[in-house]
Amino acid sequence: MADPAPGPSGGTELVASFFTLAGAGFGQSPRNTFVQRCEAAAAAGFAGIGLHTDDLARTRASGLDAAGMRRVLDGANLRLVEIEFIDGWALDVDAVLFAAAVAEVEAVADLLGGRHVSAGEFRPGHLDLDAAATRLAAVADRLDQRGLLVALEAFPWSAINNVGTAVELLRRAGSVNAGLMVDVWHFFNGGAALDALDGLPAAGVAAVQLNDGPLVQADFLRHARAARRLPGEGDLDVVGLVRAVQETGFGGPWCVEVNTPEFRALPVEAAAKAAADAAMAVLDAARR
């Protein structure tokens, strides 16, 4: 692997979330391999990457074992930052499947490290806040043994459909290593205003995913999977949200999660450079 070229990030830690460089849509197998994603991320100036738990087995099946994955990360001067995804816990729970999902996260962390794990609920439905908070606390306590933060994400179409509900869950869970995932698209399309970040409980803002897109009023799932654009290329106040996040004390790392049909069709090197450049432009603007 070639030495990583100097990137645009300087002292700012950028992270390429898994779907940004997957070259495929949500729920699809990645078009770009683990090695290709790492090489492209390093060349673009990213300091870290994200990994979906599904991709560990897939990469190992391709012939690259965990030791080889670690060598790839080390050779590219990258670290694994973001592990995705724990869902299916906020409503009714299949205990066996849920335990297996948490174990998959632990397996990734044991082999490759990690900073935070994203968690949420894809399904719509009535939410029992106390029951969901109890389950969230149990997961957070378990992952705390591996030094992992849990980053709770709200999806506008789901049972946890806005930041206010996510914050209340975090408050009731009371786990010191569980905080809020601020995904720009989900934040604004879930109806949140910047003051939603005032007085956050527990770990505060645990993680950030930078992106952009239109402000929509319906059909959230389809838009989220097809119109999550590069930061600065949509209608959302990305710069204002970055400033509000910084006011909570969060200083990074800054993940970038972008996935539109046009973006995922790009060569992985072009996608990585576009994502890094757009993120840095937004972060630079937030400093002014």
C-alpha atoms as a PDB file:
ATOM      1  CA  MET A   1       0.000   0.000   0.000  1.00  0.00           C
ATOM      2  CA  ALA A   2       1.300   3.436  -0.865  1.00  0.00           C
ATOM      3  CA  ASP A   3       2.038   5.948   1.842  1.00  0.00           C
ATOM      4  CA  PRO A   4      -0.983   8.156   2.474  1.00  0.00           C
ATOM      5  CA  ALA A   5      -0.818  11.513   0.785  1.00  0.00           C
ATOM      6  CA  PRO A   6      -1.148  14.635   2.906  1.00  0.00           C
ATOM      7  CA  GLY A   7      -4.833  15.341   3.263  1.00  0.00           C
ATOM      8  CA  PRO A   8      -6.902  18.426   3.945  1.00  0.00           C
ATOM      9  CA  SER A   9      -7.763  17.756   7.560  1.00  0.00           C
ATOM     10  CA  GLY A  10      -4.699  19.109   9.350  1.00  0.00           C
ATOM     11  CA  GLY A  11      -5.320  18.804  13.075  1.00  0.00           C
ATOM     12  CA  THR A  12      -9.034  18.023  12.594  1.00  0.00           C
ATOM     13  CA  GLU A  13      -9.909  14.348  12.822  1.00  0.00           C
ATOM     14  CA  LEU A  14     -12.183  13.342   9.958  1.00  0.00           C
ATOM     15  CA  VAL A  15     -13.772   9.893   9.793  1.00  0.00           C
ATOM     16  CA  ALA A  16     -15.244   8.249   6.717  1.00  0.00           C
ATOM     17  CA  SER A  17     -18.409   6.524   7.892  1.00  0.00           C
ATOM     18  CA  PHE A  18     -18.954   3.086   6.411  1.00  0.00           C
ATOM     19  CA  PHE A  19     -21.653   4.001   3.902  1.00  0.00           C
ATOM     20  CA  THR A  20     -19.721   7.000   2.592  1.00  0.00           C
ATOM     21  CA  LEU A  21     -17.130   4.808   0.899  1.00  0.00           C
ATOM     22  CA  ALA A  22     -19.122   1.588   0.508  1.00  0.00           C
ATOM     23  CA  GLY A  23     -20.096   2.403  -3.063  1.00  0.00           C
ATOM     24  CA  ALA A  24     -23.479   0.828  -2.409  1.00  0.00           C
ATOM     25  CA  GLY A  25     -26.809   1.696  -0.870  1.00  0.00           C
ATOM     26  CA  PHE A  26     -28.068   0.918   2.609  1.00  0.00           C
ATOM     27  CA  GLY A  27     -28.685  -2.796   3.005  1.00  0.00           C
ATOM     28  CA  GLN A  28     -26.536  -3.642  -0.022  1.00  0.00           C
ATOM     29  CA  SER A  29     -23.149  -5.340  -0.044  1.00  0.00           C
ATOM     30  CA  PRO A  30     -20.341  -2.804  -0.482  1.00  0.00           C
ATOM     31  CA  ARG A  31     -18.917  -2.382  -3.972  1.00  0.00           C
ATOM     32  CA  ASN A  32     -15.589  -1.233  -2.552  1.00  0.00           C
ATOM     33  CA  THR A  33     -13.466  -3.558  -0.434  1.00  0.00           C
ATOM     34  CA  PHE A  34     -12.078  -2.814   3.003  1.00  0.00           C
ATOM     35  CA  VAL A  35      -8.602  -2.287   1.510  1.00  0.00           C
ATOM     36  CA  GLN A  36      -9.908   0.052  -1.179  1.00  0.00           C
ATOM     37  CA  ARG A  37     -11.840   2.087   1.358  1.00  0.00           C
ATOM     38  CA  CYS A  38      -8.827   2.421   3.636  1.00  0.00           C
ATOM     39  CA  GLU A  39      -6.498   3.427   0.808  1.00  0.00           C
ATOM     40  CA  ALA A  40      -8.938   6.036  -0.459  1.00  0.00           C
ATOM     41  CA  ALA A  41      -9.650   7.401   3.037  1.00  0.00           C
ATOM     42  CA  ALA A  42      -5.955   7.765   3.819  1.00  0.00           C
ATOM     43  CA  ALA A  43      -5.192   9.478   0.514  1.00  0.00           C
ATOM     44  CA  ALA A  44      -8.015  11.972   1.117  1.00  0.00           C
ATOM     45  CA  GLY A  45      -6.762  12.883   4.582  1.00  0.00           C
ATOM     46  CA  PHE A  46      -9.165  10.984   6.798  1.00  0.00           C
ATOM     47  CA  ALA A  47      -7.812   9.911  10.174  1.00  0.00           C
ATOM     48  CA  GLY A  48     -10.335   7.133  10.710  1.00  0.00           C
ATOM     49  CA  ILE A  49     -13.032   5.012   9.163  1.00  0.00           C
ATOM     50  CA  GLY A  50     -16.286   3.372  10.124  1.00  0.00           C
ATOM     51  CA  LEU A  51     -17.167  -0.281   9.800  1.00  0.00           C
ATOM     52  CA  HIS A  52     -20.519  -2.014   9.707  1.00  0.00           C
ATOM     53  CA  THR A  53     -20.544  -5.208  11.732  1.00  0.00           C
ATOM     54  CA  ASP A  54     -21.659  -7.134   8.633  1.00  0.00           C
ATOM     55  CA  ASP A  55     -18.457  -6.195   6.873  1.00  0.00           C
ATOM     56  CA  LEU A  56     -16.151  -7.965   9.307  1.00  0.00           C
ATOM     57  CA  ALA A  57     -17.313 -11.421   8.261  1.00  0.00           C
ATOM     58  CA  ARG A  58     -17.487 -10.362   4.626  1.00  0.00           C
ATOM     59  CA  THR A  59     -13.904  -9.078   4.643  1.00  0.00           C
ATOM     60  CA  ARG A  60     -12.599 -12.150   6.429  1.00  0.00           C
ATOM     61  CA  ALA A  61     -14.400 -14.386   3.933  1.00  0.00           C
ATOM     62  CA  SER A  62     -12.597 -12.558   1.128  1.00  0.00           C
ATOM     63  CA  GLY A  63      -9.278 -13.780   2.536  1.00  0.00           C
ATOM     64  CA  LEU A  64      -8.221 -10.831   4.682  1.00  0.00           C
ATOM     65  CA  ASP A  65      -8.198 -11.889   8.330  1.00  0.00           C
ATOM     66  CA  ALA A  66      -8.356  -9.620  11.367  1.00  0.00           C
ATOM     67  CA  ALA A  67      -4.572  -9.361  11.615  1.00  0.00           C
ATOM     68  CA  GLY A  68      -4.487  -8.341   7.969  1.00  0.00           C
ATOM     69  CA  MET A  69      -7.190  -5.722   8.554  1.00  0.00           C
ATOM     70  CA  ARG A  70      -5.150  -4.290  11.422  1.00  0.00           C
ATOM     71  CA  ARG A  71      -2.076  -4.128   9.170  1.00  0.00           C
ATOM     72  CA  VAL A  72      -4.105  -2.272   6.543  1.00  0.00           C
ATOM     73  CA  LEU A  73      -5.316   0.258   9.110  1.00  0.00           C
ATOM     74  CA  ASP A  74      -1.846   0.736  10.584  1.00  0.00           C
ATOM     75  CA  GLY A  75      -0.237   1.032   7.169  1.00  0.00           C
ATOM     76  CA  ALA A  76      -2.673   3.766   6.218  1.00  0.00           C
ATOM     77  CA  ASN A  77      -2.303   5.591   9.562  1.00  0.00           C
ATOM     78  CA  LEU A  78      -6.003   5.090  10.184  1.00  0.00           C
ATOM     79  CA  ARG A  79      -7.966   3.978  13.206  1.00  0.00           C
ATOM     80  CA  LEU A  80     -11.362   2.364  13.410  1.00  0.00           C
ATOM     81  CA  VAL A  81     -13.592   4.993  15.001  1.00  0.00           C
ATOM     82  CA  GLU A  82     -17.225   4.162  14.264  1.00  0.00           C
ATOM     83  CA  ILE A  83     -18.951   0.771  14.517  1.00  0.00           C
ATOM     84  CA  GLU A  84     -22.452   0.374  13.115  1.00  0.00           C
ATOM     85  CA  PHE A  85     -25.175  -0.581  14.068  1.00  0.00           C
ATOM     86  CA  ILE A  86     -27.264  -1.756  17.037  1.00  0.00           C
ATOM     87  CA  ASP A  87     -30.997  -1.694  16.362  1.00  0.00           C
ATOM     88  CA  GLY A  88     -34.094  -3.675  17.249  1.00  0.00           C
ATOM     89  CA  TRP A  89     -33.933  -2.882  20.974  1.00  0.00           C
ATOM     90  CA  ALA A  90     -36.232   0.078  21.561  1.00  0.00           C
ATOM     91  CA  LEU A  91     -39.496  -1.750  20.859  1.00  0.00           C
ATOM     92  CA  ASP A  92     -40.176  -5.450  21.350  1.00  0.00           C
ATOM     93  CA  VAL A  93     -36.955  -7.451  21.441  1.00  0.00           C
ATOM     94  CA  ASP A  94     -35.925 -10.820  20.098  1.00  0.00           C
ATOM     95  CA  ALA A  95     -33.448 -11.562  22.877  1.00  0.00           C
ATOM     96  CA  VAL A  96     -31.394 -14.037  20.835  1.00  0.00           C
ATOM     97  CA  LEU A  97     -31.012 -11.772  17.811  1.00  0.00           C
ATOM     98  CA  PHE A  98     -30.323  -8.749  19.972  1.00  0.00           C
ATOM     99  CA  ALA A  99     -27.619 -10.547  21.968  1.00  0.00           C
ATOM    100  CA  ALA A 100     -26.039 -11.642  18.687  1.00  0.00           C
ATOM    101  CA  ALA A 101     -26.013  -8.051  17.385  1.00  0.00           C
ATOM    102  CA  VAL A 102     -24.252  -6.770  20.499  1.00  0.00           C
ATOM    103  CA  ALA A 103     -21.779  -9.661  20.318  1.00  0.00           C
ATOM    104  CA  GLU A 104     -20.955  -8.704  16.718  1.00  0.00           C
ATOM    105  CA  VAL A 105     -20.078  -5.190  17.875  1.00  0.00           C
ATOM    106  CA  GLU A 106     -17.907  -6.612  20.633  1.00  0.00           C
ATOM    107  CA  ALA A 107     -16.134  -8.862  18.133  1.00  0.00           C
ATOM    108  CA  VAL A 108     -15.264  -5.887  15.925  1.00  0.00           C
ATOM    109  CA  ALA A 109     -14.016  -3.897  18.912  1.00  0.00           C
ATOM    110  CA  ASP A 110     -11.945  -6.780  20.250  1.00  0.00           C
ATOM    111  CA  LEU A 111     -10.238  -7.264  16.889  1.00  0.00           C
ATOM    112  CA  LEU A 112      -9.929  -3.721  15.561  1.00  0.00           C
ATOM    113  CA  GLY A 113     -10.734  -1.232  18.320  1.00  0.00           C
ATOM    114  CA  GLY A 114     -13.297   1.535  18.020  1.00  0.00           C
ATOM    115  CA  ARG A 115     -14.450   4.745  19.665  1.00  0.00           C
ATOM    116  CA  HIS A 116     -18.232   4.730  19.388  1.00  0.00           C
ATOM    117  CA  VAL A 117     -21.103   2.473  18.362  1.00  0.00           C
ATOM    118  CA  SER A 118     -24.167   3.933  16.699  1.00  0.00           C
ATOM    119  CA  ALA A 119     -27.518   2.710  18.007  1.00  0.00           C
ATOM    120  CA  GLY A 120     -31.131   3.399  17.203  1.00  0.00           C
ATOM    121  CA  GLU A 121     -34.417   1.892  16.112  1.00  0.00           C
ATOM    122  CA  PHE A 122     -35.386   1.580  12.458  1.00  0.00           C
ATOM    123  CA  ARG A 123     -38.952   0.440  13.148  1.00  0.00           C
ATOM    124  CA  PRO A 124     -41.912   2.749  13.811  1.00  0.00           C
ATOM    125  CA  GLY A 125     -44.142   2.070  16.769  1.00  0.00           C
ATOM    126  CA  HIS A 126     -45.196   3.149  20.231  1.00  0.00           C
ATOM    127  CA  LEU A 127     -42.175   3.614  22.492  1.00  0.00           C
ATOM    128  CA  ASP A 128     -42.182   2.633  26.152  1.00  0.00           C
ATOM    129  CA  LEU A 129     -39.538   5.093  27.280  1.00  0.00           C
ATOM    130  CA  ASP A 130     -38.704   3.391  30.560  1.00  0.00           C
ATOM    131  CA  ALA A 131     -38.361  -0.073  29.036  1.00  0.00           C
ATOM    132  CA  ALA A 132     -36.275   1.239  26.141  1.00  0.00           C
ATOM    133  CA  ALA A 133     -34.074   3.241  28.506  1.00  0.00           C
ATOM    134  CA  THR A 134     -33.448   0.139  30.608  1.00  0.00           C
ATOM    135  CA  ARG A 135     -32.300  -1.792  27.540  1.00  0.00           C
ATOM    136  CA  LEU A 136     -30.165   1.137  26.367  1.00  0.00           C
ATOM    137  CA  ALA A 137     -28.490   1.330  29.770  1.00  0.00           C
ATOM    138  CA  ALA A 138     -27.738  -2.399  29.726  1.00  0.00           C
ATOM    139  CA  VAL A 139     -26.105  -2.158  26.295  1.00  0.00           C
ATOM    140  CA  ALA A 140     -24.133   0.925  27.281  1.00  0.00           C
ATOM    141  CA  ASP A 141     -22.866  -0.690  30.459  1.00  0.00           C
ATOM    142  CA  ARG A 142     -21.791  -3.786  28.544  1.00  0.00           C
ATOM    143  CA  LEU A 143     -19.955  -1.812  25.853  1.00  0.00           C
ATOM    144  CA  ASP A 144     -18.368   0.448  28.439  1.00  0.00           C
ATOM    145  CA  GLN A 145     -16.262  -2.571  29.416  1.00  0.00           C
ATOM    146  CA  ARG A 146     -14.567  -2.189  26.027  1.00  0.00           C
ATOM    147  CA  GLY A 147     -14.209   1.571  26.303  1.00  0.00           C
ATOM    148  CA  LEU A 148     -16.919   2.248  23.707  1.00  0.00           C
ATOM    149  CA  LEU A 149     -19.347   5.141  23.633  1.00  0.00           C
ATOM    150  CA  VAL A 150     -22.912   4.499  22.529  1.00  0.00           C
ATOM    151  CA  ALA A 151     -24.158   7.174  20.113  1.00  0.00           C
ATOM    152  CA  LEU A 152     -27.969   7.204  20.051  1.00  0.00           C
ATOM    153  CA  GLU A 153     -29.436   8.264  16.697  1.00  0.00           C
ATOM    154  CA  ALA A 154     -32.976   9.451  16.015  1.00  0.00           C
ATOM    155  CA  PHE A 155     -34.604   8.655  12.659  1.00  0.00           C
ATOM    156  CA  PRO A 156     -37.666  10.690  11.583  1.00  0.00           C
ATOM    157  CA  TRP A 157     -39.609   7.581  10.451  1.00  0.00           C
ATOM    158  CA  SER A 158     -38.889   5.486  13.551  1.00  0.00           C
ATOM    159  CA  ALA A 159     -40.089   5.022  17.109  1.00  0.00           C
ATOM    160  CA  ILE A 160     -37.240   7.343  18.154  1.00  0.00           C
ATOM    161  CA  ASN A 161     -38.203   9.983  15.640  1.00  0.00           C
ATOM    162  CA  ASN A 162     -36.641  13.169  16.965  1.00  0.00           C
ATOM    163  CA  VAL A 163     -33.801  14.484  19.070  1.00  0.00           C
ATOM    164  CA  GLY A 164     -36.090  15.302  21.992  1.00  0.00           C
ATOM    165  CA  THR A 165     -37.129  11.662  22.330  1.00  0.00           C
ATOM    166  CA  ALA A 166     -33.513  10.514  22.062  1.00  0.00           C
ATOM    167  CA  VAL A 167     -32.438  12.976  24.749  1.00  0.00           C
ATOM    168  CA  GLU A 168     -35.205  11.799  27.083  1.00  0.00           C
ATOM    169  CA  LEU A 169     -34.104   8.187  26.545  1.00  0.00           C
ATOM    170  CA  LEU A 170     -30.538   9.139  27.400  1.00  0.00           C
ATOM    171  CA  ARG A 171     -31.695  10.984  30.505  1.00  0.00           C
ATOM    172  CA  ARG A 172     -33.683   7.983  31.737  1.00  0.00           C
ATOM    173  CA  ALA A 173     -30.866   5.542  30.893  1.00  0.00           C
ATOM    174  CA  GLY A 174     -28.361   7.594  32.881  1.00  0.00           C
ATOM    175  CA  SER A 175     -25.303   5.899  31.372  1.00  0.00           C
ATOM    176  CA  VAL A 176     -22.110   7.940  31.414  1.00  0.00           C
ATOM    177  CA  ASN A 177     -20.947   6.461  28.107  1.00  0.00           C
ATOM    178  CA  ALA A 178     -24.208   6.944  26.178  1.00  0.00           C
ATOM    179  CA  GLY A 179     -24.759  10.195  24.305  1.00  0.00           C
ATOM    180  CA  LEU A 180     -26.415  11.680  21.265  1.00  0.00           C
ATOM    181  CA  MET A 181     -25.498  10.998  17.653  1.00  0.00           C
ATOM    182  CA  VAL A 182     -25.976  14.234  15.720  1.00  0.00           C
ATOM    183  CA  ASP A 183     -26.566  13.332  12.082  1.00  0.00           C
ATOM    184  CA  VAL A 184     -27.240  16.597  10.255  1.00  0.00           C
ATOM    185  CA  TRP A 185     -29.947  15.198   7.970  1.00  0.00           C
ATOM    186  CA  HIS A 186     -31.818  13.354  10.714  1.00  0.00           C
ATOM    187  CA  PHE A 187     -31.447  16.259  13.136  1.00  0.00           C
ATOM    188  CA  PHE A 188     -33.180  18.836  10.970  1.00  0.00           C
ATOM    189  CA  ASN A 189     -35.611  16.498   9.226  1.00  0.00           C
ATOM    190  CA  GLY A 190     -36.695  15.260  12.644  1.00  0.00           C
ATOM    191  CA  GLY A 191     -37.759  18.826  13.388  1.00  0.00           C
ATOM    192  CA  ALA A 192     -34.992  19.793  15.824  1.00  0.00           C
ATOM    193  CA  ALA A 193     -33.759  23.335  16.365  1.00  0.00           C
ATOM    194  CA  LEU A 194     -30.248  24.190  17.489  1.00  0.00           C
ATOM    195  CA  ASP A 195     -31.333  24.723  21.103  1.00  0.00           C
ATOM    196  CA  ALA A 196     -32.178  20.988  21.269  1.00  0.00           C
ATOM    197  CA  LEU A 197     -28.517  20.532  22.194  1.00  0.00           C
ATOM    198  CA  ASP A 198     -28.778  22.669  25.326  1.00  0.00           C
ATOM    199  CA  GLY A 199     -28.298  20.787  28.600  1.00  0.00           C
ATOM    200  CA  LEU A 200     -27.701  17.330  27.184  1.00  0.00           C
ATOM    201  CA  PRO A 201     -27.460  14.492  29.730  1.00  0.00           C
ATOM    202  CA  ALA A 202     -24.802  11.791  30.170  1.00  0.00           C
ATOM    203  CA  ALA A 203     -22.081  11.851  27.510  1.00  0.00           C
ATOM    204  CA  GLY A 204     -23.652  14.834  25.720  1.00  0.00           C
ATOM    205  CA  VAL A 205     -22.881  14.700  22.017  1.00  0.00           C
ATOM    206  CA  ALA A 206     -21.200  11.332  21.575  1.00  0.00           C
ATOM    207  CA  ALA A 207     -20.686  11.518  17.811  1.00  0.00           C
ATOM    208  CA  VAL A 208     -21.449  13.603  14.728  1.00  0.00           C
ATOM    209  CA  GLN A 209     -22.185  12.605  11.136  1.00  0.00           C
ATOM    210  CA  LEU A 210     -21.843  15.460   8.677  1.00  0.00           C
ATOM    211  CA  ASN A 211     -24.015  15.549   5.569  1.00  0.00           C
ATOM    212  CA  ASP A 212     -26.699  17.729   4.003  1.00  0.00           C
ATOM    213  CA  GLY A 213     -29.781  17.551   1.849  1.00  0.00           C
ATOM    214  CA  PRO A 214     -33.288  18.881   1.433  1.00  0.00           C
ATOM    215  CA  LEU A 215     -35.663  19.636   4.269  1.00  0.00           C
ATOM    216  CA  VAL A 216     -38.529  17.214   3.705  1.00  0.00           C
ATOM    217  CA  GLN A 217     -41.915  16.731   5.304  1.00  0.00           C
ATOM    218  CA  ALA A 218     -42.718  13.094   4.443  1.00  0.00           C
ATOM    219  CA  ASP A 219     -41.308   9.872   2.984  1.00  0.00           C
ATOM    220  CA  PHE A 220     -38.303  10.286   5.261  1.00  0.00           C
ATOM    221  CA  LEU A 221     -36.775   6.850   4.781  1.00  0.00           C
ATOM    222  CA  ARG A 222     -36.599   7.126   0.996  1.00  0.00           C
ATOM    223  CA  HIS A 223     -35.116  10.616   1.153  1.00  0.00           C
ATOM    224  CA  ALA A 224     -32.591   9.639   3.821  1.00  0.00           C
ATOM    225  CA  ARG A 225     -31.278   6.808   1.690  1.00  0.00           C
ATOM    226  CA  ALA A 226     -31.209   8.685  -1.598  1.00  0.00           C
ATOM    227  CA  ALA A 227     -30.680  12.364  -0.809  1.00  0.00           C
ATOM    228  CA  ARG A 228     -28.108  12.576   1.988  1.00  0.00           C
ATOM    229  CA  ARG A 229     -25.655  14.841   0.200  1.00  0.00           C
ATOM    230  CA  LEU A 230     -22.219  16.222   0.868  1.00  0.00           C
ATOM    231  CA  PRO A 231     -22.137  18.810   3.672  1.00  0.00           C
ATOM    232  CA  GLY A 232     -22.690  22.235   2.158  1.00  0.00           C
ATOM    233  CA  GLU A 233     -24.634  20.914  -0.850  1.00  0.00           C
ATOM    234  CA  GLY A 234     -28.151  21.035   0.565  1.00  0.00           C
ATOM    235  CA  ASP A 235     -30.672  23.230   2.341  1.00  0.00           C
ATOM    236  CA  LEU A 236     -29.695  22.446   5.944  1.00  0.00           C
ATOM    237  CA  ASP A 237     -27.816  24.716   8.348  1.00  0.00           C
ATOM    238  CA  VAL A 238     -24.752  22.494   8.646  1.00  0.00           C
ATOM    239  CA  VAL A 239     -22.446  25.309   9.764  1.00  0.00           C
ATOM    240  CA  GLY A 240     -24.875  26.463  12.442  1.00  0.00           C
ATOM    241  CA  LEU A 241     -25.259  22.923  13.727  1.00  0.00           C
ATOM    242  CA  VAL A 242     -21.488  22.412  13.847  1.00  0.00           C
ATOM    243  CA  ARG A 243     -21.180  25.578  15.926  1.00  0.00           C
ATOM    244  CA  ALA A 244     -23.978  24.439  18.262  1.00  0.00           C
ATOM    245  CA  VAL A 245     -22.300  21.051  18.662  1.00  0.00           C
ATOM    246  CA  GLN A 246     -18.987  22.713  19.475  1.00  0.00           C
ATOM    247  CA  GLU A 247     -20.700  24.828  22.124  1.00  0.00           C
ATOM    248  CA  THR A 248     -21.600  21.601  23.948  1.00  0.00           C
ATOM    249  CA  GLY A 249     -17.871  20.852  24.257  1.00  0.00           C
ATOM    250  CA  PHE A 250     -17.621  18.381  21.382  1.00  0.00           C
ATOM    251  CA  GLY A 251     -14.414  18.773  19.390  1.00  0.00           C
ATOM    252  CA  GLY A 252     -14.416  15.725  17.153  1.00  0.00           C
ATOM    253  CA  PRO A 253     -13.874  13.339  15.569  1.00  0.00           C
ATOM    254  CA  TRP A 254     -16.112  14.452  12.716  1.00  0.00           C
ATOM    255  CA  CYS A 255     -17.664  11.593  10.777  1.00  0.00           C
ATOM    256  CA  VAL A 256     -18.951  12.120   7.251  1.00  0.00           C
ATOM    257  CA  GLU A 257     -21.938  10.037   6.142  1.00  0.00           C
ATOM    258  CA  VAL A 258     -23.020  10.695   2.570  1.00  0.00           C
ATOM    259  CA  ASN A 259     -24.869   8.324   0.273  1.00  0.00           C
ATOM    260  CA  THR A 260     -26.780   9.281  -2.864  1.00  0.00           C
ATOM    261  CA  PRO A 261     -27.027   7.207  -6.052  1.00  0.00           C
ATOM    262  CA  GLU A 262     -24.703   9.649  -7.815  1.00  0.00           C
ATOM    263  CA  PHE A 263     -22.174   9.734  -5.003  1.00  0.00           C
ATOM    264  CA  ARG A 264     -21.941   5.991  -4.510  1.00  0.00           C
ATOM    265  CA  ALA A 265     -21.346   5.527  -8.259  1.00  0.00           C
ATOM    266  CA  LEU A 266     -18.110   7.545  -8.003  1.00  0.00           C
ATOM    267  CA  PRO A 267     -14.726   5.823  -7.900  1.00  0.00           C
ATOM    268  CA  VAL A 268     -13.894   5.365  -4.230  1.00  0.00           C
ATOM    269  CA  GLU A 269     -10.914   7.743  -4.447  1.00  0.00           C
ATOM    270  CA  ALA A 270     -13.097  10.525  -5.852  1.00  0.00           C
ATOM    271  CA  ALA A 271     -15.800   9.891  -3.253  1.00  0.00           C
ATOM    272  CA  ALA A 272     -13.283  10.067  -0.404  1.00  0.00           C
ATOM    273  CA  LYS A 273     -11.734  13.305  -1.641  1.00  0.00           C
ATOM    274  CA  ALA A 274     -15.110  14.953  -2.212  1.00  0.00           C
ATOM    275  CA  ALA A 275     -16.300  13.945   1.263  1.00  0.00           C
ATOM    276  CA  ALA A 276     -13.150  15.178   3.006  1.00  0.00           C
ATOM    277  CA  ASP A 277     -13.044  18.462   1.104  1.00  0.00           C
ATOM    278  CA  ALA A 278     -16.717  19.206   1.737  1.00  0.00           C
ATOM    279  CA  ALA A 279     -16.434  18.403   5.451  1.00  0.00           C
ATOM    280  CA  MET A 280     -13.384  20.578   5.882  1.00  0.00           C
ATOM    281  CA  ALA A 281     -15.062  23.472   4.076  1.00  0.00           C
ATOM    282  CA  VAL A 282     -17.985  23.314   6.520  1.00  0.00           C
ATOM    283  CA  LEU A 283     -15.711  23.012   9.564  1.00  0.00           C
ATOM    284  CA  ASP A 284     -13.589  25.922   8.347  1.00  0.00           C
ATOM    285  CA  ALA A 285     -16.716  28.037   7.838  1.00  0.00           C
ATOM    286  CA  ALA A 286     -17.876  27.199  11.390  1.00  0.00           C
ATOM    287  CA  ARG A 287     -14.634  28.647  12.779  1.00  0.00           C
ATOM    288  CA  ARG A 288     -15.188  32.060  11.186  1.00  0.00           C
END
